[in-house]
PDB file of N, CA and C in Angstrom:
ATOM      1  N   MET A   1     -20.437   9.274 -25.785  1.00  0.00           N
ATOM      2  CA  MET A   1     -20.024   8.165 -24.963  1.00  0.00           C
ATOM      3  C   MET A   1     -18.859   7.455 -25.640  1.00  0.00           C
ATOM      4  N   ARG A   2     -17.943   7.005 -24.825  1.00  0.00           N
ATOM      5  CA  ARG A   2     -16.822   6.282 -25.389  1.00  0.00           C
ATOM      6  C   ARG A   2     -16.669   4.940 -24.691  1.00  0.00           C
ATOM      7  N   LYS A   3     -16.102   4.026 -25.390  1.00  0.00           N
ATOM      8  CA  LYS A   3     -15.885   2.692 -24.853  1.00  0.00           C
ATOM      9  C   LYS A   3     -14.783   2.738 -23.792  1.00  0.00           C
ATOM     10  N   LYS A   4     -15.038   2.096 -22.663  1.00  0.00           N
ATOM     11  CA  LYS A   4     -14.033   2.061 -21.606  1.00  0.00           C
ATOM     12  C   LYS A   4     -13.026   0.961 -21.909  1.00  0.00           C
ATOM     13  N   ASP A   5     -11.776   1.252 -21.588  1.00  0.00           N
ATOM     14  CA  ASP A   5     -10.728   0.268 -21.772  1.00  0.00           C
ATOM     15  C   ASP A   5     -10.844  -0.810 -20.705  1.00  0.00           C
ATOM     16  N   LYS A   6     -10.516  -2.037 -21.100  1.00  0.00           N
ATOM     17  CA  LYS A   6     -10.500  -3.144 -20.160  1.00  0.00           C
ATOM     18  C   LYS A   6      -9.067  -3.550 -19.915  1.00  0.00           C
ATOM     19  N   GLN A   7      -8.779  -3.915 -18.692  1.00  0.00           N
ATOM     20  CA  GLN A   7      -7.466  -4.402 -18.334  1.00  0.00           C
ATOM     21  C   GLN A   7      -7.661  -5.642 -17.485  1.00  0.00           C
ATOM     22  N   ILE A   8      -7.007  -6.712 -17.858  1.00  0.00           N
ATOM     23  CA  ILE A   8      -7.099  -7.946 -17.097  1.00  0.00           C
ATOM     24  C   ILE A   8      -5.857  -8.059 -16.223  1.00  0.00           C
ATOM     25  N   ILE A   9      -6.073  -8.271 -14.938  1.00  0.00           N
ATOM     26  CA  ILE A   9      -4.974  -8.397 -13.993  1.00  0.00           C
ATOM     27  C   ILE A   9      -5.079  -9.780 -13.362  1.00  0.00           C
ATOM     28  N   ASN A  10      -4.044 -10.577 -13.524  1.00  0.00           N
ATOM     29  CA  ASN A  10      -4.013 -11.876 -12.875  1.00  0.00           C
ATOM     30  C   ASN A  10      -3.769 -11.684 -11.391  1.00  0.00           C
ATOM     31  N   LEU A  11      -4.421 -12.504 -10.575  1.00  0.00           N
ATOM     32  CA  LEU A  11      -4.239 -12.397  -9.131  1.00  0.00           C
ATOM     33  C   LEU A  11      -2.783 -12.570  -8.741  1.00  0.00           C
ATOM     34  N   SER A  12      -2.039 -13.348  -9.504  1.00  0.00           N
ATOM     35  CA  SER A  12      -0.625 -13.570  -9.196  1.00  0.00           C
ATOM     36  C   SER A  12       0.219 -12.306  -9.385  1.00  0.00           C
ATOM     37  N   GLU A  13      -0.325 -11.297 -10.075  1.00  0.00           N
ATOM     38  CA  GLU A  13       0.379 -10.043 -10.303  1.00  0.00           C
ATOM     39  C   GLU A  13       0.198  -9.046  -9.158  1.00  0.00           C
ATOM     40  N   ILE A  14      -0.724  -9.336  -8.227  1.00  0.00           N
ATOM     41  CA  ILE A  14      -1.069  -8.390  -7.161  1.00  0.00           C
ATOM     42  C   ILE A  14      -0.220  -8.670  -5.927  1.00  0.00           C
ATOM     43  N   LYS A  15       0.506  -7.642  -5.482  1.00  0.00           N
ATOM     44  CA  LYS A  15       1.340  -7.753  -4.282  1.00  0.00           C
ATOM     45  C   LYS A  15       0.486  -7.528  -3.034  1.00  0.00           C
ATOM     46  N   ASN A  16      -0.299  -6.443  -3.035  1.00  0.00           N
ATOM     47  CA  ASN A  16      -1.207  -6.159  -1.929  1.00  0.00           C
ATOM     48  C   ASN A  16      -2.321  -5.248  -2.411  1.00  0.00           C
ATOM     49  N   ALA A  17      -3.319  -5.068  -1.560  1.00  0.00           N
ATOM     50  CA  ALA A  17      -4.478  -4.255  -1.913  1.00  0.00           C
ATOM     51  C   ALA A  17      -4.864  -3.386  -0.726  1.00  0.00           C
ATOM     52  N   SER A  18      -5.453  -2.225  -1.019  1.00  0.00           N
ATOM     53  CA  SER A  18      -5.896  -1.308   0.026  1.00  0.00           C
ATOM     54  C   SER A  18      -7.286  -0.785  -0.307  1.00  0.00           C
ATOM     55  N   VAL A  19      -8.134  -0.738   0.713  1.00  0.00           N
ATOM     56  CA  VAL A  19      -9.447  -0.107   0.583  1.00  0.00           C
ATOM     57  C   VAL A  19      -9.295   1.308   1.118  1.00  0.00           C
ATOM     58  N   VAL A  20      -9.653   2.296   0.307  1.00  0.00           N
ATOM     59  CA  VAL A  20      -9.435   3.696   0.695  1.00  0.00           C
ATOM     60  C   VAL A  20     -10.685   4.528   0.394  1.00  0.00           C
ATOM     61  N   TYR A  21     -11.148   5.258   1.413  1.00  0.00           N
ATOM     62  CA  TYR A  21     -12.233   6.225   1.242  1.00  0.00           C
ATOM     63  C   TYR A  21     -11.605   7.612   1.178  1.00  0.00           C
ATOM     64  N   ARG A  22     -11.908   8.346   0.100  1.00  0.00           N
ATOM     65  CA  ARG A  22     -11.375   9.706  -0.047  1.00  0.00           C
ATOM     66  C   ARG A  22     -12.531  10.681  -0.209  1.00  0.00           C
ATOM     67  N   LYS A  23     -12.421  11.782   0.511  1.00  0.00           N
ATOM     68  CA  LYS A  23     -13.435  12.827   0.369  1.00  0.00           C
ATOM     69  C   LYS A  23     -13.264  13.552  -0.961  1.00  0.00           C
ATOM     70  N   ASN A  24     -14.390  13.904  -1.557  1.00  0.00           N
ATOM     71  CA  ASN A  24     -14.385  14.720  -2.754  1.00  0.00           C
ATOM     72  C   ASN A  24     -14.204  16.176  -2.305  1.00  0.00           C
ATOM     73  N   LEU A  25     -13.179  16.827  -2.808  1.00  0.00           N
ATOM     74  CA  LEU A  25     -12.954  18.227  -2.474  1.00  0.00           C
ATOM     75  C   LEU A  25     -14.039  19.062  -3.135  1.00  0.00           C
ATOM     76  N   ARG A  26     -14.913  19.613  -2.334  1.00  0.00           N
ATOM     77  CA  ARG A  26     -16.048  20.378  -2.856  1.00  0.00           C
ATOM     78  C   ARG A  26     -15.722  21.863  -2.825  1.00  0.00           C
ATOM     79  N   LEU A  27     -15.769  22.458  -4.001  1.00  0.00           N
ATOM     80  CA  LEU A  27     -15.454  23.882  -4.124  1.00  0.00           C
ATOM     81  C   LEU A  27     -16.710  24.741  -4.116  1.00  0.00           C
ATOM     82  N   SER A  28     -17.862  24.084  -4.104  1.00  0.00           N
ATOM     83  CA  SER A  28     -19.115  24.806  -4.158  1.00  0.00           C
ATOM     84  C   SER A  28     -20.131  24.107  -3.258  1.00  0.00           C
ATOM     85  N   SER A  29     -21.055  24.857  -2.720  1.00  0.00           N
ATOM     86  CA  SER A  29     -22.097  24.271  -1.872  1.00  0.00           C
ATOM     87  C   SER A  29     -23.123  23.488  -2.689  1.00  0.00           C
ATOM     88  N   VAL A  30     -23.071  23.613  -4.001  1.00  0.00           N
ATOM     89  CA  VAL A  30     -23.992  22.865  -4.859  1.00  0.00           C
ATOM     90  C   VAL A  30     -23.300  21.682  -5.542  1.00  0.00           C
ATOM     91  N   ASP A  31     -22.125  21.323  -5.083  1.00  0.00           N
ATOM     92  CA  ASP A  31     -21.406  20.167  -5.622  1.00  0.00           C
ATOM     93  C   ASP A  31     -21.908  18.917  -4.908  1.00  0.00           C
ATOM     94  N   PHE A  32     -22.683  18.112  -5.606  1.00  0.00           N
ATOM     95  CA  PHE A  32     -23.270  16.913  -5.013  1.00  0.00           C
ATOM     96  C   PHE A  32     -22.601  15.638  -5.512  1.00  0.00           C
ATOM     97  N   ASN A  33     -21.416  15.775  -6.092  1.00  0.00           N
ATOM     98  CA  ASN A  33     -20.700  14.590  -6.545  1.00  0.00           C
ATOM     99  C   ASN A  33     -20.292  13.753  -5.338  1.00  0.00           C
ATOM    100  N   PRO A  34     -20.322  12.428  -5.479  1.00  0.00           N
ATOM    101  CA  PRO A  34     -20.009  11.572  -4.326  1.00  0.00           C
ATOM    102  C   PRO A  34     -18.515  11.559  -3.994  1.00  0.00           C
ATOM    103  N   ASP A  35     -18.212  11.074  -2.801  1.00  0.00           N
ATOM    104  CA  ASP A  35     -16.829  10.835  -2.413  1.00  0.00           C
ATOM    105  C   ASP A  35     -16.343   9.590  -3.149  1.00  0.00           C
ATOM    106  N   TYR A  36     -15.102   9.206  -2.885  1.00  0.00           N
ATOM    107  CA  TYR A  36     -14.505   8.089  -3.610  1.00  0.00           C
ATOM    108  C   TYR A  36     -14.252   6.915  -2.659  1.00  0.00           C
ATOM    109  N   LEU A  37     -14.637   5.736  -3.090  1.00  0.00           N
ATOM    110  CA  LEU A  37     -14.294   4.499  -2.397  1.00  0.00           C
ATOM    111  C   LEU A  37     -13.568   3.642  -3.411  1.00  0.00           C
ATOM    112  N   ASP A  38     -12.290   3.406  -3.150  1.00  0.00           N
ATOM    113  CA  ASP A  38     -11.441   2.724  -4.126  1.00  0.00           C
ATOM    114  C   ASP A  38     -10.769   1.492  -3.542  1.00  0.00           C
ATOM    115  N   LEU A  39     -10.464   0.570  -4.429  1.00  0.00           N
ATOM    116  CA  LEU A  39      -9.604  -0.558  -4.122  1.00  0.00           C
ATOM    117  C   LEU A  39      -8.334  -0.318  -4.915  1.00  0.00           C
ATOM    118  N   ILE A  40      -7.244  -0.116  -4.205  1.00  0.00           N
ATOM    119  CA  ILE A  40      -5.966   0.174  -4.864  1.00  0.00           C
ATOM    120  C   ILE A  40      -5.127  -1.093  -4.827  1.00  0.00           C
ATOM    121  N   LEU A  41      -4.745  -1.547  -6.018  1.00  0.00           N
ATOM    122  CA  LEU A  41      -3.946  -2.756  -6.151  1.00  0.00           C
ATOM    123  C   LEU A  41      -2.504  -2.375  -6.431  1.00  0.00           C
ATOM    124  N   ASP A  42      -1.591  -2.831  -5.585  1.00  0.00           N
ATOM    125  CA  ASP A  42      -0.152  -2.663  -5.827  1.00  0.00           C
ATOM    126  C   ASP A  42       0.309  -3.909  -6.565  1.00  0.00           C
ATOM    127  N   LEU A  43       0.808  -3.706  -7.777  1.00  0.00           N
ATOM    128  CA  LEU A  43       1.231  -4.834  -8.595  1.00  0.00           C
ATOM    129  C   LEU A  43       2.710  -5.118  -8.403  1.00  0.00           C
ATOM    130  N   ASN A  44       3.091  -6.354  -8.668  1.00  0.00           N
ATOM    131  CA  ASN A  44       4.484  -6.785  -8.501  1.00  0.00           C
ATOM    132  C   ASN A  44       5.449  -5.968  -9.350  1.00  0.00           C
ATOM    133  N   LYS A  45       4.978  -5.443 -10.470  1.00  0.00           N
ATOM    134  CA  LYS A  45       5.873  -4.689 -11.358  1.00  0.00           C
ATOM    135  C   LYS A  45       6.037  -3.228 -10.926  1.00  0.00           C
ATOM    136  N   GLY A  46       5.530  -2.890  -9.735  1.00  0.00           N
ATOM    137  CA  GLY A  46       5.743  -1.547  -9.197  1.00  0.00           C
ATOM    138  C   GLY A  46       4.693  -0.529  -9.586  1.00  0.00           C
ATOM    139  N   THR A  47       3.633  -0.935 -10.247  1.00  0.00           N
ATOM    140  CA  THR A  47       2.573   0.000 -10.614  1.00  0.00           C
ATOM    141  C   THR A  47       1.368  -0.195  -9.709  1.00  0.00           C
ATOM    142  N   LYS A  48       0.489   0.786  -9.722  1.00  0.00           N
ATOM    143  CA  LYS A  48      -0.745   0.731  -8.944  1.00  0.00           C
ATOM    144  C   LYS A  48      -1.930   0.853  -9.886  1.00  0.00           C
ATOM    145  N   VAL A  49      -2.983   0.131  -9.555  1.00  0.00           N
ATOM    146  CA  VAL A  49      -4.232   0.205 -10.300  1.00  0.00           C
ATOM    147  C   VAL A  49      -5.318   0.572  -9.300  1.00  0.00           C
ATOM    148  N   THR A  50      -6.091   1.604  -9.616  1.00  0.00           N
ATOM    149  CA  THR A  50      -7.174   2.029  -8.742  1.00  0.00           C
ATOM    150  C   THR A  50      -8.502   1.621  -9.357  1.00  0.00           C
ATOM    151  N   LEU A  51      -9.260   0.841  -8.595  1.00  0.00           N
ATOM    152  CA  LEU A  51     -10.578   0.395  -9.023  1.00  0.00           C
ATOM    153  C   LEU A  51     -11.627   1.092  -8.167  1.00  0.00           C
ATOM    154  N   SER A  52     -12.574   1.739  -8.818  1.00  0.00           N
ATOM    155  CA  SER A  52     -13.637   2.414  -8.088  1.00  0.00           C
ATOM    156  C   SER A  52     -14.637   1.378  -7.591  1.00  0.00           C
ATOM    157  N   LEU A  53     -14.964   1.456  -6.295  1.00  0.00           N
ATOM    158  CA  LEU A  53     -15.947   0.546  -5.714  1.00  0.00           C
ATOM    159  C   LEU A  53     -17.328   1.179  -5.647  1.00  0.00           C
ATOM    160  N   GLY A  54     -17.416   2.459  -5.944  1.00  0.00           N
ATOM    161  CA  GLY A  54     -18.707   3.143  -5.937  1.00  0.00           C
ATOM    162  C   GLY A  54     -19.405   3.000  -4.601  1.00  0.00           C
ATOM    163  N   SER A  55     -20.649   2.600  -4.630  1.00  0.00           N
ATOM    164  CA  SER A  55     -21.432   2.429  -3.395  1.00  0.00           C
ATOM    165  C   SER A  55     -21.623   0.942  -3.111  1.00  0.00           C
ATOM    166  N   ILE A  56     -20.535   0.210  -3.081  1.00  0.00           N
ATOM    167  CA  ILE A  56     -20.552  -1.235  -2.868  1.00  0.00           C
ATOM    168  C   ILE A  56     -21.124  -1.566  -1.493  1.00  0.00           C
ATOM    169  N   ASP A  57     -21.815  -2.699  -1.397  1.00  0.00           N
ATOM    170  CA  ASP A  57     -22.325  -3.107  -0.091  1.00  0.00           C
ATOM    171  C   ASP A  57     -21.331  -4.047   0.596  1.00  0.00           C
ATOM    172  N   TYR A  58     -21.601  -4.326   1.862  1.00  0.00           N
ATOM    173  CA  TYR A  58     -20.663  -5.109   2.666  1.00  0.00           C
ATOM    174  C   TYR A  58     -20.408  -6.495   2.075  1.00  0.00           C
ATOM    175  N   GLN A  59     -21.467  -7.181   1.636  1.00  0.00           N
ATOM    176  CA  GLN A  59     -21.306  -8.548   1.143  1.00  0.00           C
ATOM    177  C   GLN A  59     -20.384  -8.601  -0.070  1.00  0.00           C
ATOM    178  N   LYS A  60     -20.540  -7.673  -0.975  1.00  0.00           N
ATOM    179  CA  LYS A  60     -19.693  -7.662  -2.175  1.00  0.00           C
ATOM    180  C   LYS A  60     -18.249  -7.320  -1.827  1.00  0.00           C
ATOM    181  N   LEU A  61     -18.056  -6.316  -0.976  1.00  0.00           N
ATOM    182  CA  LEU A  61     -16.699  -5.953  -0.573  1.00  0.00           C
ATOM    183  C   LEU A  61     -16.050  -7.109   0.177  1.00  0.00           C
ATOM    184  N   ASP A  62     -16.792  -7.730   1.074  1.00  0.00           N
ATOM    185  CA  ASP A  62     -16.263  -8.853   1.833  1.00  0.00           C
ATOM    186  C   ASP A  62     -15.856 -10.000   0.900  1.00  0.00           C
ATOM    187  N   SER A  63     -16.644 -10.264  -0.126  1.00  0.00           N
ATOM    188  CA  SER A  63     -16.321 -11.324  -1.095  1.00  0.00           C
ATOM    189  C   SER A  63     -15.023 -11.018  -1.833  1.00  0.00           C
ATOM    190  N   ILE A  64     -14.851  -9.764  -2.245  1.00  0.00           N
ATOM    191  CA  ILE A  64     -13.638  -9.356  -2.961  1.00  0.00           C
ATOM    192  C   ILE A  64     -12.418  -9.503  -2.054  1.00  0.00           C
ATOM    193  N   LEU A  65     -12.522  -8.983  -0.836  1.00  0.00           N
ATOM    194  CA  LEU A  65     -11.386  -9.012   0.075  1.00  0.00           C
ATOM    195  C   LEU A  65     -11.054 -10.439   0.509  1.00  0.00           C
ATOM    196  N   THR A  66     -12.064 -11.273   0.690  1.00  0.00           N
ATOM    197  CA  THR A  66     -11.835 -12.677   1.043  1.00  0.00           C
ATOM    198  C   THR A  66     -11.127 -13.400  -0.095  1.00  0.00           C
ATOM    199  N   LEU A  67     -11.529 -13.142  -1.320  1.00  0.00           N
ATOM    200  CA  LEU A  67     -10.870 -13.752  -2.477  1.00  0.00           C
ATOM    201  C   LEU A  67      -9.391 -13.381  -2.509  1.00  0.00           C
ATOM    202  N   LEU A  68      -9.097 -12.097  -2.306  1.00  0.00           N
ATOM    203  CA  LEU A  68      -7.709 -11.646  -2.309  1.00  0.00           C
ATOM    204  C   LEU A  68      -6.911 -12.296  -1.181  1.00  0.00           C
ATOM    205  N   GLU A  69      -7.489 -12.322   0.018  1.00  0.00           N
ATOM    206  CA  GLU A  69      -6.792 -12.916   1.157  1.00  0.00           C
ATOM    207  C   GLU A  69      -6.582 -14.416   0.963  1.00  0.00           C
ATOM    208  N   ASP A  70      -7.545 -15.108   0.354  1.00  0.00           N
ATOM    209  CA  ASP A  70      -7.407 -16.538   0.077  1.00  0.00           C
ATOM    210  C   ASP A  70      -6.271 -16.826  -0.890  1.00  0.00           C
ATOM    211  N   LYS A  71      -5.913 -15.833  -1.695  1.00  0.00           N
ATOM    212  CA  LYS A  71      -4.799 -15.963  -2.635  1.00  0.00           C
ATOM    213  C   LYS A  71      -3.511 -15.400  -2.038  1.00  0.00           C
ATOM    214  N   ASP A  72      -3.487 -15.245  -0.711  1.00  0.00           N
ATOM    215  CA  ASP A  72      -2.326 -14.741   0.034  1.00  0.00           C
ATOM    216  C   ASP A  72      -1.902 -13.338  -0.384  1.00  0.00           C
ATOM    217  N   ILE A  73      -2.886 -12.515  -0.709  1.00  0.00           N
ATOM    218  CA  ILE A  73      -2.644 -11.109  -1.029  1.00  0.00           C
ATOM    219  C   ILE A  73      -3.001 -10.291   0.209  1.00  0.00           C
ATOM    220  N   ALA A  74      -2.037  -9.531   0.708  1.00  0.00           N
ATOM    221  CA  ALA A  74      -2.274  -8.703   1.900  1.00  0.00           C
ATOM    222  C   ALA A  74      -3.280  -7.604   1.562  1.00  0.00           C
ATOM    223  N   VAL A  75      -4.287  -7.456   2.428  1.00  0.00           N
ATOM    224  CA  VAL A  75      -5.320  -6.436   2.234  1.00  0.00           C
ATOM    225  C   VAL A  75      -5.250  -5.460   3.397  1.00  0.00           C
ATOM    226  N   HIS A  76      -5.153  -4.170   3.075  1.00  0.00           N
ATOM    227  CA  HIS A  76      -5.078  -3.115   4.088  1.00  0.00           C
ATOM    228  C   HIS A  76      -6.380  -2.314   4.084  1.00  0.00           C
ATOM    229  N   ASP A  77      -6.919  -2.085   5.260  1.00  0.00           N
ATOM    230  CA  ASP A  77      -8.139  -1.289   5.427  1.00  0.00           C
ATOM    231  C   ASP A  77      -7.950  -0.432   6.667  1.00  0.00           C
ATOM    232  N   LYS A  78      -7.028   0.530   6.578  1.00  0.00           N
ATOM    233  CA  LYS A  78      -6.655   1.358   7.731  1.00  0.00           C
ATOM    234  C   LYS A  78      -7.817   2.185   8.264  1.00  0.00           C
ATOM    235  N   GLN A  79      -8.785   2.483   7.415  1.00  0.00           N
ATOM    236  CA  GLN A  79      -9.909   3.316   7.832  1.00  0.00           C
ATOM    237  C   GLN A  79     -11.075   2.489   8.388  1.00  0.00           C
ATOM    238  N   GLY A  80     -10.992   1.177   8.306  1.00  0.00           N
ATOM    239  CA  GLY A  80     -12.061   0.322   8.821  1.00  0.00           C
ATOM    240  C   GLY A  80     -13.322   0.353   7.983  1.00  0.00           C
ATOM    241  N   VAL A  81     -13.193   0.565   6.685  1.00  0.00           N
ATOM    242  CA  VAL A  81     -14.355   0.660   5.792  1.00  0.00           C
ATOM    243  C   VAL A  81     -15.169  -0.626   5.815  1.00  0.00           C
ATOM    244  N   GLN A  82     -14.506  -1.759   5.782  1.00  0.00           N
ATOM    245  CA  GLN A  82     -15.213  -3.034   5.766  1.00  0.00           C
ATOM    246  C   GLN A  82     -16.100  -3.178   7.014  1.00  0.00           C
ATOM    247  N   GLN A  83     -15.587  -2.848   8.171  1.00  0.00           N
ATOM    248  CA  GLN A  83     -16.367  -2.940   9.404  1.00  0.00           C
ATOM    249  C   GLN A  83     -17.518  -1.936   9.404  1.00  0.00           C
ATOM    250  N   LEU A  84     -17.278  -0.733   8.909  1.00  0.00           N
ATOM    251  CA  LEU A  84     -18.344   0.266   8.847  1.00  0.00           C
ATOM    252  C   LEU A  84     -19.496  -0.209   7.969  1.00  0.00           C
ATOM    253  N   LEU A  85     -19.160  -0.806   6.818  1.00  0.00           N
ATOM    254  CA  LEU A  85     -20.205  -1.324   5.942  1.00  0.00           C
ATOM    255  C   LEU A  85     -20.929  -2.502   6.596  1.00  0.00           C
ATOM    256  N   LYS A  86     -20.186  -3.332   7.319  1.00  0.00           N
ATOM    257  CA  LYS A  86     -20.789  -4.468   8.017  1.00  0.00           C
ATOM    258  C   LYS A  86     -21.822  -3.978   9.032  1.00  0.00           C
ATOM    259  N   GLU A  87     -21.525  -2.850   9.677  1.00  0.00           N
ATOM    260  CA  GLU A  87     -22.425  -2.262  10.671  1.00  0.00           C
ATOM    261  C   GLU A  87     -23.485  -1.366  10.036  1.00  0.00           C
ATOM    262  N   ASN A  88     -23.574  -1.359   8.696  1.00  0.00           N
ATOM    263  CA  ASN A  88     -24.532  -0.524   7.946  1.00  0.00           C
ATOM    264  C   ASN A  88     -24.375   0.957   8.238  1.00  0.00           C
ATOM    265  N   LYS A  89     -23.148   1.392   8.506  1.00  0.00           N
ATOM    266  CA  LYS A  89     -22.874   2.810   8.739  1.00  0.00           C
ATOM    267  C   LYS A  89     -22.809   3.542   7.399  1.00  0.00           C
ATOM    268  N   ASN A  90     -23.228   4.784   7.414  1.00  0.00           N
ATOM    269  CA  ASN A  90     -23.137   5.636   6.235  1.00  0.00           C
ATOM    270  C   ASN A  90     -21.711   6.172   6.161  1.00  0.00           C
ATOM    271  N   LEU A  91     -20.984   5.802   5.104  1.00  0.00           N
ATOM    272  CA  LEU A  91     -19.580   6.202   4.981  1.00  0.00           C
ATOM    273  C   LEU A  91     -19.431   7.718   4.893  1.00  0.00           C
ATOM    274  N   PHE A  92     -20.324   8.369   4.152  1.00  0.00           N
ATOM    275  CA  PHE A  92     -20.253   9.825   4.013  1.00  0.00           C
ATOM    276  C   PHE A  92     -20.362  10.488   5.387  1.00  0.00           C
ATOM    277  N   ASN A  93     -21.369  10.112   6.151  1.00  0.00           N
ATOM    278  CA  ASN A  93     -21.559  10.721   7.475  1.00  0.00           C
ATOM    279  C   ASN A  93     -20.375  10.424   8.390  1.00  0.00           C
ATOM    280  N   HIS A  94     -19.873   9.213   8.340  1.00  0.00           N
ATOM    281  CA  HIS A  94     -18.754   8.840   9.204  1.00  0.00           C
ATOM    282  C   HIS A  94     -17.498   9.650   8.892  1.00  0.00           C
ATOM    283  N   PHE A  95     -17.137   9.740   7.631  1.00  0.00           N
ATOM    284  CA  PHE A  95     -15.877  10.385   7.267  1.00  0.00           C
ATOM    285  C   PHE A  95     -15.964  11.908   7.169  1.00  0.00           C
ATOM    286  N   HIS A  96     -17.157  12.457   7.271  1.00  0.00           N
ATOM    287  CA  HIS A  96     -17.274  13.908   7.239  1.00  0.00           C
ATOM    288  C   HIS A  96     -17.434  14.506   8.633  1.00  0.00           C
ATOM    289  N   ARG A  97     -17.202  13.693   9.648  1.00  0.00           N
ATOM    290  CA  ARG A  97     -17.129  14.245  11.002  1.00  0.00           C
ATOM    291  C   ARG A  97     -15.802  14.975  11.128  1.00  0.00           C
ATOM    292  N   LYS A  98     -15.694  15.867  12.063  1.00  0.00           N
ATOM    293  CA  LYS A  98     -14.516  16.747  12.171  1.00  0.00           C
ATOM    294  C   LYS A  98     -13.207  16.009  12.410  1.00  0.00           C
ATOM    295  N   GLU A  99     -13.241  14.851  13.099  1.00  0.00           N
ATOM    296  CA  GLU A  99     -11.964  14.209  13.425  1.00  0.00           C
ATOM    297  C   GLU A  99     -11.308  13.507  12.250  1.00  0.00           C
ATOM    298  N   TRP A 100     -12.010  13.347  11.132  1.00  0.00           N
ATOM    299  CA  TRP A 100     -11.413  12.709   9.959  1.00  0.00           C
ATOM    300  C   TRP A 100     -10.907  13.759   9.000  1.00  0.00           C
ATOM    301  N   THR A 101      -9.727  13.555   8.514  1.00  0.00           N
ATOM    302  CA  THR A 101      -9.194  14.419   7.468  1.00  0.00           C
ATOM    303  C   THR A 101      -9.225  13.640   6.173  1.00  0.00           C
ATOM    304  N   SER A 102      -9.168  14.320   5.081  1.00  0.00           N
ATOM    305  CA  SER A 102      -9.189  13.673   3.772  1.00  0.00           C
ATOM    306  C   SER A 102      -7.870  12.973   3.502  1.00  0.00           C
ATOM    307  N   LEU A 103      -7.956  11.812   2.892  1.00  0.00           N
ATOM    308  CA  LEU A 103      -6.747  11.065   2.532  1.00  0.00           C
ATOM    309  C   LEU A 103      -6.382  11.322   1.107  1.00  0.00           C
TER     310      LEU A 103
END
């Protein structure tokens, strides 16, 4: 086990944020690793930081996004993840239907 690095990002450094669900490319039928739910922060200095949200629930995600919006940070959720969680939808089942492609 190794110690994880910590990075502190001031809210004033964040230009915008995006919630993104990405499918895990499974090369085997026995690959049970989860898909990815990330919060991607675009920083003013032109870099991006990806934060894993894991299996976050609606209340926690809503709190994070509300905090960002209250600080006048634009939040993008093109896939409607926040609404799906609000409706208690299973993200895996939703995004693995045929009409969704991996992002």
